[in-house]
C-alpha atoms as a PDB file:
ATOM      1  CA  MET A   1     -44.284 -53.871   2.444  1.00  0.00           C
ATOM      2  CA  ILE A   2     -44.379 -49.497   2.501  1.00  0.00           C
ATOM      3  CA  LYS A   3     -47.246 -48.673   4.302  1.00  0.00           C
ATOM      4  CA  ALA A   4     -48.148 -44.713   4.112  1.00  0.00           C
ATOM      5  CA  PHE A   5     -50.691 -43.398   7.012  1.00  0.00           C
ATOM      6  CA  PRO A   6     -52.781 -40.741   6.250  1.00  0.00           C
ATOM      7  CA  THR A   7     -52.094 -37.475   8.323  1.00  0.00           C
ATOM      8  CA  LYS A   8     -54.276 -35.140  10.024  1.00  0.00           C
ATOM      9  CA  PHE A   9     -54.057 -31.346   8.226  1.00  0.00           C
ATOM     10  CA  ASN A  10     -53.061 -28.986  11.411  1.00  0.00           C
ATOM     11  CA  PRO A  11     -52.937 -24.809   9.485  1.00  0.00           C
ATOM     12  CA  LEU A  12     -51.938 -23.325  12.800  1.00  0.00           C
ATOM     13  CA  LEU A  13     -48.617 -25.641  12.004  1.00  0.00           C
ATOM     14  CA  ALA A  14     -48.498 -24.782   8.588  1.00  0.00           C
ATOM     15  CA  VAL A  15     -48.512 -21.515   9.626  1.00  0.00           C
ATOM     16  CA  ALA A  16     -45.762 -21.294  12.143  1.00  0.00           C
ATOM     17  CA  LEU A  17     -43.666 -22.607   9.151  1.00  0.00           C
ATOM     18  CA  VAL A  18     -43.799 -20.276   6.604  1.00  0.00           C
ATOM     19  CA  ALA A  19     -43.659 -17.667   9.392  1.00  0.00           C
ATOM     20  CA  ALA A  20     -40.422 -18.749  10.348  1.00  0.00           C
ATOM     21  CA  LEU A  21     -38.998 -19.111   6.830  1.00  0.00           C
ATOM     22  CA  PHE A  22     -40.067 -15.968   5.807  1.00  0.00           C
ATOM     23  CA  VAL A  23     -37.798 -14.446   9.195  1.00  0.00           C
ATOM     24  CA  GLY A  24     -34.861 -16.385   8.629  1.00  0.00           C
ATOM     25  CA  GLY A  25     -34.117 -15.574   5.206  1.00  0.00           C
ATOM     26  CA  PRO A  26     -34.000 -12.049   5.780  1.00  0.00           C
ATOM     27  CA  ALA A  27     -32.110 -12.178   8.384  1.00  0.00           C
ATOM     28  CA  GLY A  28     -29.457 -14.098   7.132  1.00  0.00           C
ATOM     29  CA  ALA A  29     -29.449 -11.850   3.805  1.00  0.00           C
ATOM     30  CA  GLU A  30     -29.523  -8.612   6.270  1.00  0.00           C
ATOM     31  CA  GLU A  31     -26.638 -10.236   8.226  1.00  0.00           C
ATOM     32  CA  ILE A  32     -24.646 -10.180   4.914  1.00  0.00           C
ATOM     33  CA  GLN A  33     -25.409  -6.718   4.316  1.00  0.00           C
ATOM     34  CA  ARG A  34     -23.937  -5.077   7.040  1.00  0.00           C
ATOM     35  CA  GLN A  35     -20.140  -5.148   6.021  1.00  0.00           C
ATOM     36  CA  ILE A  36     -18.546  -3.017   3.950  1.00  0.00           C
ATOM     37  CA  SER A  37     -14.824  -3.588   2.189  1.00  0.00           C
ATOM     38  CA  VAL A  38     -12.370  -1.377   1.641  1.00  0.00           C
ATOM     39  CA  THR A  39      -8.729  -1.243   0.206  1.00  0.00           C
ATOM     40  CA  GLY A  40      -6.770   1.128   0.995  1.00  0.00           C
ATOM     41  CA  GLU A  41      -2.744   2.314  -0.351  1.00  0.00           C
ATOM     42  CA  GLY A  42       0.099   3.099   1.546  1.00  0.00           C
ATOM     43  CA  GLN A  43       3.472   4.789   0.572  1.00  0.00           C
ATOM     44  CA  VAL A  44       6.461   6.072   1.912  1.00  0.00           C
ATOM     45  CA  ALA A  45       9.388   7.518  -0.133  1.00  0.00           C
ATOM     46  CA  ALA A  46      12.999   7.212   1.129  1.00  0.00           C
ATOM     47  CA  ASP A  47      16.566   8.341  -1.071  1.00  0.00           C
ATOM     48  CA  PRO A  48      18.382   5.397  -1.731  1.00  0.00           C
ATOM     49  CA  ASP A  49      21.921   4.143  -0.180  1.00  0.00           C
ATOM     50  CA  MET A  50      22.620   1.251  -2.377  1.00  0.00           C
ATOM     51  CA  ALA A  51      22.816   0.664  -6.554  1.00  0.00           C
ATOM     52  CA  THR A  52      23.675  -2.327  -8.249  1.00  0.00           C
ATOM     53  CA  ILE A  53      24.464  -2.131 -11.576  1.00  0.00           C
ATOM     54  CA  THR A  54      25.154  -4.429 -14.408  1.00  0.00           C
ATOM     55  CA  LEU A  55      28.544  -3.459 -15.788  1.00  0.00           C
ATOM     56  CA  GLY A  56      30.625  -5.793 -18.016  1.00  0.00           C
ATOM     57  CA  VAL A  57      33.335  -6.152 -20.661  1.00  0.00           C
ATOM     58  CA  THR A  58      34.010  -6.991 -24.127  1.00  0.00           C
ATOM     59  CA  HIS A  59      36.154  -7.577 -26.918  1.00  0.00           C
ATOM     60  CA  LYS A  60      36.719  -9.127 -30.130  1.00  0.00           C
ATOM     61  CA  ALA A  61      40.047 -10.738 -31.787  1.00  0.00           C
ATOM     62  CA  LYS A  62      40.885 -12.953 -35.055  1.00  0.00           C
ATOM     63  CA  THR A  63      40.965 -15.714 -32.079  1.00  0.00           C
ATOM     64  CA  ALA A  64      38.913 -16.810 -29.681  1.00  0.00           C
ATOM     65  CA  ARG A  65      41.540 -17.236 -27.104  1.00  0.00           C
ATOM     66  CA  SER A  66      42.397 -13.766 -27.741  1.00  0.00           C
ATOM     67  CA  ALA A  67      39.182 -12.830 -27.074  1.00  0.00           C
ATOM     68  CA  LEU A  68      38.999 -14.259 -23.881  1.00  0.00           C
ATOM     69  CA  ASP A  69      42.357 -13.499 -22.696  1.00  0.00           C
ATOM     70  CA  ALA A  70      41.791  -9.229 -23.770  1.00  0.00           C
ATOM     71  CA  THR A  71      38.774 -10.023 -22.462  1.00  0.00           C
ATOM     72  CA  SER A  72      39.641 -11.630 -19.075  1.00  0.00           C
ATOM     73  CA  LYS A  73      42.338  -9.287 -17.892  1.00  0.00           C
ATOM     74  CA  ALA A  74      40.114  -6.436 -18.350  1.00  0.00           C
ATOM     75  CA  THR A  75      37.698  -7.757 -15.588  1.00  0.00           C
ATOM     76  CA  ALA A  76      40.329  -8.684 -13.361  1.00  0.00           C
ATOM     77  CA  LYS A  77      41.232  -4.765 -13.353  1.00  0.00           C
ATOM     78  CA  VAL A  78      37.810  -3.694 -13.445  1.00  0.00           C
ATOM     79  CA  LEU A  79      37.313  -6.343  -9.692  1.00  0.00           C
ATOM     80  CA  GLN A  80      40.684  -5.322  -8.654  1.00  0.00           C
ATOM     81  CA  ARG A  81      39.053  -1.421  -9.198  1.00  0.00           C
ATOM     82  CA  LEU A  82      36.101  -2.222  -7.383  1.00  0.00           C
ATOM     83  CA  ALA A  83      37.789  -3.566  -4.433  1.00  0.00           C
ATOM     84  CA  ASP A  84      40.435  -0.378  -4.191  1.00  0.00           C
ATOM     85  CA  PHE A  85      37.126   1.452  -4.041  1.00  0.00           C
ATOM     86  CA  GLY A  86      36.017  -0.642  -0.907  1.00  0.00           C
ATOM     87  CA  VAL A  87      33.410  -3.309  -2.956  1.00  0.00           C
ATOM     88  CA  ALA A  88      33.286  -6.271  -0.544  1.00  0.00           C
ATOM     89  CA  SER A  89      33.847  -9.518  -2.810  1.00  0.00           C
ATOM     90  CA  ARG A  90      30.410 -10.038  -1.720  1.00  0.00           C
ATOM     91  CA  ASP A  91      28.859  -7.751  -3.530  1.00  0.00           C
ATOM     92  CA  MET A  92      30.306  -8.585  -6.736  1.00  0.00           C
ATOM     93  CA  GLN A  93      29.159 -11.445  -9.359  1.00  0.00           C
ATOM     94  CA  THR A  94      29.929 -13.162 -12.445  1.00  0.00           C
ATOM     95  CA  SER A  95      26.197 -12.993 -14.253  1.00  0.00           C
ATOM     96  CA  SER A  96      27.422 -13.933 -17.831  1.00  0.00           C
ATOM     97  CA  LEU A  97      30.543 -15.521 -20.264  1.00  0.00           C
ATOM     98  CA  SER A  98      29.838 -15.520 -23.454  1.00  0.00           C
ATOM     99  CA  LEU A  99      32.392 -16.486 -26.584  1.00  0.00           C
ATOM    100  CA  THR A 100      30.541 -16.203 -29.829  1.00  0.00           C
ATOM    101  CA  PRO A 101      32.002 -16.562 -33.692  1.00  0.00           C
ATOM    102  CA  ASN A 102      31.143 -13.501 -35.501  1.00  0.00           C
ATOM    103  CA  ARG A 103      28.860 -14.476 -38.585  1.00  0.00           C
ATOM    104  CA  SER A 104      29.045 -11.698 -41.559  1.00  0.00           C
ATOM    105  CA  GLY A 105      27.587 -13.993 -44.250  1.00  0.00           C
ATOM    106  CA  GLY A 106      25.128 -15.487 -42.467  1.00  0.00           C
ATOM    107  CA  SER A 107      25.135 -18.850 -40.373  1.00  0.00           C
ATOM    108  CA  SER A 108      26.317 -21.162 -43.574  1.00  0.00           C
ATOM    109  CA  LEU A 109      29.754 -19.639 -42.920  1.00  0.00           C
ATOM    110  CA  LYS A 110      32.753 -21.209 -40.968  1.00  0.00           C
ATOM    111  CA  ALA A 111      33.157 -20.284 -37.056  1.00  0.00           C
ATOM    112  CA  GLY A 112      36.201 -17.839 -36.723  1.00  0.00           C
ATOM    113  CA  GLU A 113      36.028 -16.991 -39.805  1.00  0.00           C
ATOM    114  CA  THR A 114      35.345 -12.981 -39.174  1.00  0.00           C
ATOM    115  CA  GLY A 115      36.858 -13.995 -35.611  1.00  0.00           C
ATOM    116  CA  PHE A 116      35.462 -13.954 -32.272  1.00  0.00           C
ATOM    117  CA  THR A 117      33.787 -11.890 -29.714  1.00  0.00           C
ATOM    118  CA  ALA A 118      34.108 -12.256 -25.755  1.00  0.00           C
ATOM    119  CA  SER A 119      32.183 -10.762 -23.051  1.00  0.00           C
ATOM    120  CA  ASN A 120      32.097 -10.554 -18.940  1.00  0.00           C
ATOM    121  CA  SER A 121      29.305  -9.040 -17.580  1.00  0.00           C
ATOM    122  CA  VAL A 122      28.974  -8.855 -13.523  1.00  0.00           C
ATOM    123  CA  HIS A 123      26.572  -7.362 -10.599  1.00  0.00           C
ATOM    124  CA  VAL A 124      27.812  -5.055  -8.768  1.00  0.00           C
ATOM    125  CA  ARG A 125      26.751  -3.925  -5.552  1.00  0.00           C
ATOM    126  CA  LEU A 126      27.418  -0.660  -4.308  1.00  0.00           C
ATOM    127  CA  ARG A 127      26.434   0.666  -0.513  1.00  0.00           C
ATOM    128  CA  ASP A 128      28.701   4.291  -0.995  1.00  0.00           C
ATOM    129  CA  LEU A 129      26.874   6.055  -3.257  1.00  0.00           C
ATOM    130  CA  ALA A 130      28.716   8.916  -2.845  1.00  0.00           C
ATOM    131  CA  SER A 131      31.027   7.524  -4.635  1.00  0.00           C
ATOM    132  CA  LEU A 132      28.780   5.885  -7.431  1.00  0.00           C
ATOM    133  CA  GLY A 133      29.885   8.806 -10.553  1.00  0.00           C
ATOM    134  CA  GLN A 134      33.714   8.310  -9.803  1.00  0.00           C
ATOM    135  CA  VAL A 135      33.417   4.575  -9.625  1.00  0.00           C
ATOM    136  CA  LEU A 136      31.787   4.875 -13.608  1.00  0.00           C
ATOM    137  CA  ASP A 137      34.639   6.503 -14.335  1.00  0.00           C
ATOM    138  CA  ALA A 138      37.170   3.971 -13.034  1.00  0.00           C
ATOM    139  CA  ILE A 139      35.598   1.362 -14.482  1.00  0.00           C
ATOM    140  CA  VAL A 140      36.071   2.710 -17.477  1.00  0.00           C
ATOM    141  CA  ASP A 141      39.535   3.675 -17.623  1.00  0.00           C
ATOM    142  CA  GLU A 142      39.992   0.190 -16.395  1.00  0.00           C
ATOM    143  CA  GLY A 143      38.729  -0.720 -20.149  1.00  0.00           C
ATOM    144  CA  GLY A 144      35.195  -1.590 -19.289  1.00  0.00           C
ATOM    145  CA  ASN A 145      32.582  -1.415 -21.943  1.00  0.00           C
ATOM    146  CA  ASN A 146      29.522  -2.443 -21.047  1.00  0.00           C
ATOM    147  CA  PHE A 147      27.072  -1.034 -19.526  1.00  0.00           C
ATOM    148  CA  ASN A 148      23.052  -2.459 -19.522  1.00  0.00           C
ATOM    149  CA  GLY A 149      21.418  -1.357 -15.742  1.00  0.00           C
ATOM    150  CA  LEU A 150      21.382   0.508 -12.807  1.00  0.00           C
ATOM    151  CA  GLN A 151      19.017   0.336 -10.333  1.00  0.00           C
ATOM    152  CA  PHE A 152      18.871   2.459  -7.112  1.00  0.00           C
ATOM    153  CA  SER A 153      17.565   0.705  -3.777  1.00  0.00           C
ATOM    154  CA  VAL A 154      17.515   0.556   0.216  1.00  0.00           C
ATOM    155  CA  GLN A 155      19.806  -1.525   2.114  1.00  0.00           C
ATOM    156  CA  ASP A 156      17.253  -2.319   4.562  1.00  0.00           C
ATOM    157  CA  PRO A 157      13.832  -1.905   2.860  1.00  0.00           C
ATOM    158  CA  ASP A 158      11.989  -3.288   6.161  1.00  0.00           C
ATOM    159  CA  PRO A 159      11.458  -0.247   8.109  1.00  0.00           C
ATOM    160  CA  LEU A 160       9.808   1.347   4.663  1.00  0.00           C
ATOM    161  CA  MET A 161       7.855  -0.747   3.842  1.00  0.00           C
ATOM    162  CA  ASN A 162       6.331  -1.903   7.889  1.00  0.00           C
ATOM    163  CA  MET A 163       6.105   1.733   7.254  1.00  0.00           C
ATOM    164  CA  ALA A 164       3.651   1.523   4.363  1.00  0.00           C
ATOM    165  CA  ARG A 165       1.544  -1.138   5.880  1.00  0.00           C
ATOM    166  CA  GLN A 166       1.016   0.895   8.238  1.00  0.00           C
ATOM    167  CA  HIS A 167      -0.512   3.990   6.166  1.00  0.00           C
ATOM    168  CA  ALA A 168      -2.688   1.820   3.786  1.00  0.00           C
ATOM    169  CA  VAL A 169      -4.090   0.622   7.660  1.00  0.00           C
ATOM    170  CA  ALA A 170      -5.165   4.177   8.232  1.00  0.00           C
ATOM    171  CA  ASP A 171      -6.025   5.039   4.878  1.00  0.00           C
ATOM    172  CA  ALA A 172      -8.288   2.105   4.851  1.00  0.00           C
ATOM    173  CA  MET A 173      -9.475   2.821   7.985  1.00  0.00           C
ATOM    174  CA  ALA A 174     -10.404   6.540   6.981  1.00  0.00           C
ATOM    175  CA  LYS A 175     -12.313   5.449   3.750  1.00  0.00           C
ATOM    176  CA  ALA A 176     -14.857   3.153   6.320  1.00  0.00           C
ATOM    177  CA  GLN A 177     -15.461   5.957   8.422  1.00  0.00           C
ATOM    178  CA  LEU A 178     -16.349   7.983   5.700  1.00  0.00           C
ATOM    179  CA  LEU A 179     -18.449   5.668   4.010  1.00  0.00           C
ATOM    180  CA  THR A 180     -20.827   4.398   6.393  1.00  0.00           C
ATOM    181  CA  GLN A 181     -21.170   8.137   8.394  1.00  0.00           C
ATOM    182  CA  ALA A 182     -22.504   9.153   4.599  1.00  0.00           C
ATOM    183  CA  ALA A 183     -24.297   6.107   4.413  1.00  0.00           C
ATOM    184  CA  ASN A 184     -25.434   7.547   8.053  1.00  0.00           C
ATOM    185  CA  VAL A 185     -24.733   4.071   9.484  1.00  0.00           C
ATOM    186  CA  SER A 186     -22.326   3.065  12.086  1.00  0.00           C
ATOM    187  CA  LEU A 187     -18.624   1.478  11.564  1.00  0.00           C
ATOM    188  CA  GLY A 188     -18.059  -1.785  13.510  1.00  0.00           C
ATOM    189  CA  ALA A 189     -15.381  -4.324  13.928  1.00  0.00           C
ATOM    190  CA  VAL A 190     -12.860  -5.820  11.669  1.00  0.00           C
ATOM    191  CA  LEU A 191     -14.115  -8.758  10.827  1.00  0.00           C
ATOM    192  CA  SER A 192     -11.227  -9.184   8.096  1.00  0.00           C
ATOM    193  CA  MET A 193      -7.973  -7.686   7.076  1.00  0.00           C
ATOM    194  CA  SER A 194      -5.359  -8.794   4.575  1.00  0.00           C
ATOM    195  CA  GLU A 195      -2.258  -7.529   2.578  1.00  0.00           C
ATOM    196  CA  ASN A 196      -2.536  -7.571  -1.489  1.00  0.00           C
ATOM    197  CA  GLY A 197       0.113  -8.559  -2.697  1.00  0.00           C
ATOM    198  CA  GLY A 198       2.975  -7.583  -0.108  1.00  0.00           C
ATOM    199  CA  ALA A 199       4.853  -4.051   0.262  1.00  0.00           C
ATOM    200  CA  ARG A 200       6.238  -3.217  -3.546  1.00  0.00           C
ATOM    201  CA  PRO A 201       9.810  -1.139  -4.142  1.00  0.00           C
ATOM    202  CA  GLN A 202       9.451   0.752  -6.595  1.00  0.00           C
ATOM    203  CA  MET A 203      11.320   3.959  -8.480  1.00  0.00           C
ATOM    204  CA  LEU A 204       9.985   7.492  -8.337  1.00  0.00           C
ATOM    205  CA  GLN A 205      11.074  10.347  -9.954  1.00  0.00           C
ATOM    206  CA  MET A 206      15.095  11.292 -10.158  1.00  0.00           C
ATOM    207  CA  SER A 207      16.064  14.456  -8.984  1.00  0.00           C
ATOM    208  CA  ALA A 208      19.312  14.428  -7.964  1.00  0.00           C
ATOM    209  CA  THR A 209      22.936  14.535  -9.017  1.00  0.00           C
ATOM    210  CA  ARG A 210      25.622  12.735  -6.540  1.00  0.00           C
ATOM    211  CA  GLY A 211      29.132  12.186  -6.695  1.00  0.00           C
ATOM    212  CA  GLY A 212      31.931  13.409  -9.013  1.00  0.00           C
ATOM    213  CA  GLY A 213      33.010  11.648 -12.167  1.00  0.00           C
ATOM    214  CA  VAL A 214      29.605  10.980 -14.782  1.00  0.00           C
ATOM    215  CA  PRO A 215      26.572  12.363 -13.636  1.00  0.00           C
ATOM    216  CA  ILE A 216      24.159  10.503 -11.824  1.00  0.00           C
ATOM    217  CA  ALA A 217      20.986  11.202 -10.749  1.00  0.00           C
ATOM    218  CA  ALA A 218      19.289   9.010  -7.775  1.00  0.00           C
ATOM    219  CA  GLY A 219      15.780  10.174  -6.906  1.00  0.00           C
ATOM    220  CA  GLU A 220      14.222   8.378  -4.849  1.00  0.00           C
ATOM    221  CA  VAL A 221      12.735   4.790  -3.620  1.00  0.00           C
ATOM    222  CA  SER A 222       9.508   4.272  -2.857  1.00  0.00           C
ATOM    223  CA  VAL A 223       7.614   1.464  -1.294  1.00  0.00           C
ATOM    224  CA  SER A 224       4.474   0.763  -1.544  1.00  0.00           C
ATOM    225  CA  ALA A 225       1.518  -1.638  -0.104  1.00  0.00           C
ATOM    226  CA  SER A 226      -2.738  -3.064  -0.565  1.00  0.00           C
ATOM    227  CA  VAL A 227      -4.587  -4.278   2.098  1.00  0.00           C
ATOM    228  CA  THR A 228      -8.388  -4.643   1.929  1.00  0.00           C
ATOM    229  CA  MET A 229     -10.249  -4.420   5.315  1.00  0.00           C
ATOM    230  CA  VAL A 230     -13.459  -5.631   5.503  1.00  0.00           C
ATOM    231  CA  PHE A 231     -15.996  -3.874   8.817  1.00  0.00           C
ATOM    232  CA  ALA A 232     -19.331  -4.835  10.185  1.00  0.00           C
ATOM    233  CA  ILE A 233     -21.748  -2.029  10.156  1.00  0.00           C
ATOM    234  CA  GLU A 234     -24.437  -1.086  12.397  1.00  0.00           C
ATOM    235  CA  THR A 235     -27.610   1.212  11.774  1.00  0.00           C
ATOM    236  CA  ARG A 236     -28.187   4.518  13.477  1.00  0.00           C
ATOM    237  CA  PRO A 237     -30.972   4.251  16.079  1.00  0.00           C
END
């Protein structure tokens, strides 16, 4: 059996409890409000020193064997010519190999009725950009007839990425300083800092022609970074 005993009302205690709740609530809210969050951006550009080319050979013939043999012979010549230009074997990789029947009247026709098409595609990393135009010319001379992509990059992007991160942090701190000055408060310590997605390499507008043979505009490669920083702020006296 539970018994309840009446208690004597204490007005001073009640006032003290209400005051404690009133003081505690706004203090917590004020502490949360004394923060500023900003996002900084940084970008660094540099001349590329490597190109990645997707190239290949395609041949059509009446039989599958003839189409595949012609493609294989031309691909071997292309790879050998690349090696003659100093391209290492680790920088050449077959990306796709296909042999398909040619159909001129729909899928109901028998395979091979109008012949076959064989294709071989290779990804090539070229670390000597000065020879890029000449390399493309030589590939065509050896039977290369497919070019599906050309992308410029840097062989060691880490220094550029680190520099872009430093610029992003400096940008965030400058923004925070400007905003707090405008609000007539003082910028406090850094409470948190995070990188948004990591540093990202990207292409900029092409601007220059390099090498002999096929004209190539290499332009610049840029690396961008973004950081979010949270600062404490203090009201000026």
